[in-house]
Amino acid sequence: AIMRLQERVSLENNAKRIGQKMKVIIDRKEGDFYIGRSEYDSPEVDQEILIPAVGKRLYRGRFYNVRITSVDSFDMFAELVK
């Protein structure tokens, strides 16, 4: 029950970020996504931001500007912006 409550709270908090622009540092690439985190989040602790690995190569350790396009309970999905 506690985990479901935490999941719901996390989803509600993440949903507020849809459409927002963020600065993201890339940590790694997995499958079809680059995995990053906001400049305020800690690796392996806070949520991850997934960016489709199409069109442009992103480099680990570099910052990129993104817009959040969708979310789930523990991750956010984003697209690159200029």
C-alpha atoms as a PDB file:
ATOM      1  CA  ALA A   1       0.000   0.000   0.000  1.00  0.00           C
ATOM      2  CA  ILE A   2       2.843   2.402   0.832  1.00  0.00           C
ATOM      3  CA  MET A   3       4.576   1.679  -2.477  1.00  0.00           C
ATOM      4  CA  ARG A   4       1.367   2.312  -4.435  1.00  0.00           C
ATOM      5  CA  LEU A   5       0.897   5.616  -2.614  1.00  0.00           C
ATOM      6  CA  GLN A   6       4.498   6.640  -3.381  1.00  0.00           C
ATOM      7  CA  GLU A   7       4.000   5.656  -7.011  1.00  0.00           C
ATOM      8  CA  ARG A   8       0.845   7.802  -7.246  1.00  0.00           C
ATOM      9  CA  VAL A   9       2.553  10.798  -5.613  1.00  0.00           C
ATOM     10  CA  SER A  10       5.543  10.433  -7.945  1.00  0.00           C
ATOM     11  CA  LEU A  11       3.265  10.235 -11.006  1.00  0.00           C
ATOM     12  CA  GLU A  12       1.364  13.357  -9.927  1.00  0.00           C
ATOM     13  CA  ASN A  13       4.620  15.275  -9.383  1.00  0.00           C
ATOM     14  CA  ASN A  14       6.036  14.132 -12.720  1.00  0.00           C
ATOM     15  CA  ALA A  15       2.825  15.009 -14.578  1.00  0.00           C
ATOM     16  CA  LYS A  16       3.263  18.651 -13.526  1.00  0.00           C
ATOM     17  CA  ARG A  17       6.477  18.739 -15.566  1.00  0.00           C
ATOM     18  CA  ILE A  18       4.938  17.813 -18.925  1.00  0.00           C
ATOM     19  CA  GLY A  19       5.728  20.623 -21.366  1.00  0.00           C
ATOM     20  CA  GLN A  20       8.502  22.082 -19.206  1.00  0.00           C
ATOM     21  CA  LYS A  21      12.002  22.655 -20.505  1.00  0.00           C
ATOM     22  CA  MET A  22      14.877  21.225 -18.475  1.00  0.00           C
ATOM     23  CA  LYS A  23      18.648  20.976 -18.627  1.00  0.00           C
ATOM     24  CA  VAL A  24      19.638  17.291 -18.640  1.00  0.00           C
ATOM     25  CA  ILE A  25      23.001  15.570 -18.254  1.00  0.00           C
ATOM     26  CA  ILE A  26      23.377  12.298 -20.164  1.00  0.00           C
ATOM     27  CA  ASP A  27      24.474   9.306 -18.067  1.00  0.00           C
ATOM     28  CA  ARG A  28      24.274   6.460 -20.602  1.00  0.00           C
ATOM     29  CA  LYS A  29      22.527   4.948 -23.610  1.00  0.00           C
ATOM     30  CA  GLU A  30      20.210   1.956 -23.288  1.00  0.00           C
ATOM     31  CA  GLY A  31      18.569   0.468 -26.354  1.00  0.00           C
ATOM     32  CA  ASP A  32      16.669   3.171 -28.203  1.00  0.00           C
ATOM     33  CA  PHE A  33      17.095   5.835 -25.506  1.00  0.00           C
ATOM     34  CA  TYR A  34      19.692   8.103 -23.989  1.00  0.00           C
ATOM     35  CA  ILE A  35      19.231   8.125 -20.226  1.00  0.00           C
ATOM     36  CA  GLY A  36      19.795  11.351 -18.364  1.00  0.00           C
ATOM     37  CA  ARG A  37      18.767  13.305 -15.302  1.00  0.00           C
ATOM     38  CA  SER A  38      18.081  16.913 -14.536  1.00  0.00           C
ATOM     39  CA  GLU A  39      20.917  19.054 -13.279  1.00  0.00           C
ATOM     40  CA  TYR A  40      19.323  18.794  -9.810  1.00  0.00           C
ATOM     41  CA  ASP A  41      18.929  14.991  -9.636  1.00  0.00           C
ATOM     42  CA  SER A  42      21.366  12.396  -8.330  1.00  0.00           C
ATOM     43  CA  PRO A  43      22.336   9.332 -10.394  1.00  0.00           C
ATOM     44  CA  GLU A  44      20.686   6.050  -9.393  1.00  0.00           C
ATOM     45  CA  VAL A  45      18.541   7.849  -6.792  1.00  0.00           C
ATOM     46  CA  ASP A  46      16.205  10.226  -8.587  1.00  0.00           C
ATOM     47  CA  GLN A  47      14.047   9.662 -11.647  1.00  0.00           C
ATOM     48  CA  GLU A  48      15.540   9.294 -15.072  1.00  0.00           C
ATOM     49  CA  ILE A  49      14.758  11.218 -18.215  1.00  0.00           C
ATOM     50  CA  LEU A  50      14.612   9.161 -21.410  1.00  0.00           C
ATOM     51  CA  ILE A  51      15.379  10.812 -24.748  1.00  0.00           C
ATOM     52  CA  PRO A  52      14.883   8.879 -28.005  1.00  0.00           C
ATOM     53  CA  ALA A  53      18.216   8.036 -29.653  1.00  0.00           C
ATOM     54  CA  VAL A  54      17.254   9.201 -33.132  1.00  0.00           C
ATOM     55  CA  GLY A  55      18.664  11.936 -35.300  1.00  0.00           C
ATOM     56  CA  LYS A  56      21.419  13.320 -33.109  1.00  0.00           C
ATOM     57  CA  ARG A  57      24.155  11.669 -31.131  1.00  0.00           C
ATOM     58  CA  LEU A  58      24.271  12.708 -27.473  1.00  0.00           C
ATOM     59  CA  TYR A  59      27.399  12.437 -25.364  1.00  0.00           C
ATOM     60  CA  ARG A  60      27.685  11.111 -21.836  1.00  0.00           C
ATOM     61  CA  GLY A  61      28.531  13.824 -19.324  1.00  0.00           C
ATOM     62  CA  ARG A  62      27.232  16.675 -21.494  1.00  0.00           C
ATOM     63  CA  PHE A  63      24.184  18.832 -20.846  1.00  0.00           C
ATOM     64  CA  TYR A  64      21.293  19.192 -23.302  1.00  0.00           C
ATOM     65  CA  ASN A  65      18.073  21.179 -23.235  1.00  0.00           C
ATOM     66  CA  VAL A  66      14.943  19.050 -23.443  1.00  0.00           C
ATOM     67  CA  ARG A  67      11.176  19.387 -23.148  1.00  0.00           C
ATOM     68  CA  ILE A  68       9.259  16.794 -21.134  1.00  0.00           C
ATOM     69  CA  THR A  69       6.708  15.112 -23.409  1.00  0.00           C
ATOM     70  CA  SER A  70       5.254  12.373 -21.171  1.00  0.00           C
ATOM     71  CA  VAL A  71       5.807  10.681 -17.827  1.00  0.00           C
ATOM     72  CA  ASP A  72       5.194   7.557 -15.834  1.00  0.00           C
ATOM     73  CA  SER A  73       5.606   7.022 -12.096  1.00  0.00           C
ATOM     74  CA  PHE A  74       9.385   6.967 -12.010  1.00  0.00           C
ATOM     75  CA  ASP A  75      10.617   8.207 -15.380  1.00  0.00           C
ATOM     76  CA  MET A  76      10.056  11.112 -17.735  1.00  0.00           C
ATOM     77  CA  PHE A  77      10.286  11.125 -21.513  1.00  0.00           C
ATOM     78  CA  ALA A  78      11.658  14.120 -23.389  1.00  0.00           C
ATOM     79  CA  GLU A  79      12.668  15.556 -26.733  1.00  0.00           C
ATOM     80  CA  LEU A  80      15.636  17.771 -27.539  1.00  0.00           C
ATOM     81  CA  VAL A  81      15.004  21.501 -27.903  1.00  0.00           C
ATOM     82  CA  LYS A  82      17.311  24.265 -29.082  1.00  0.00           C
END
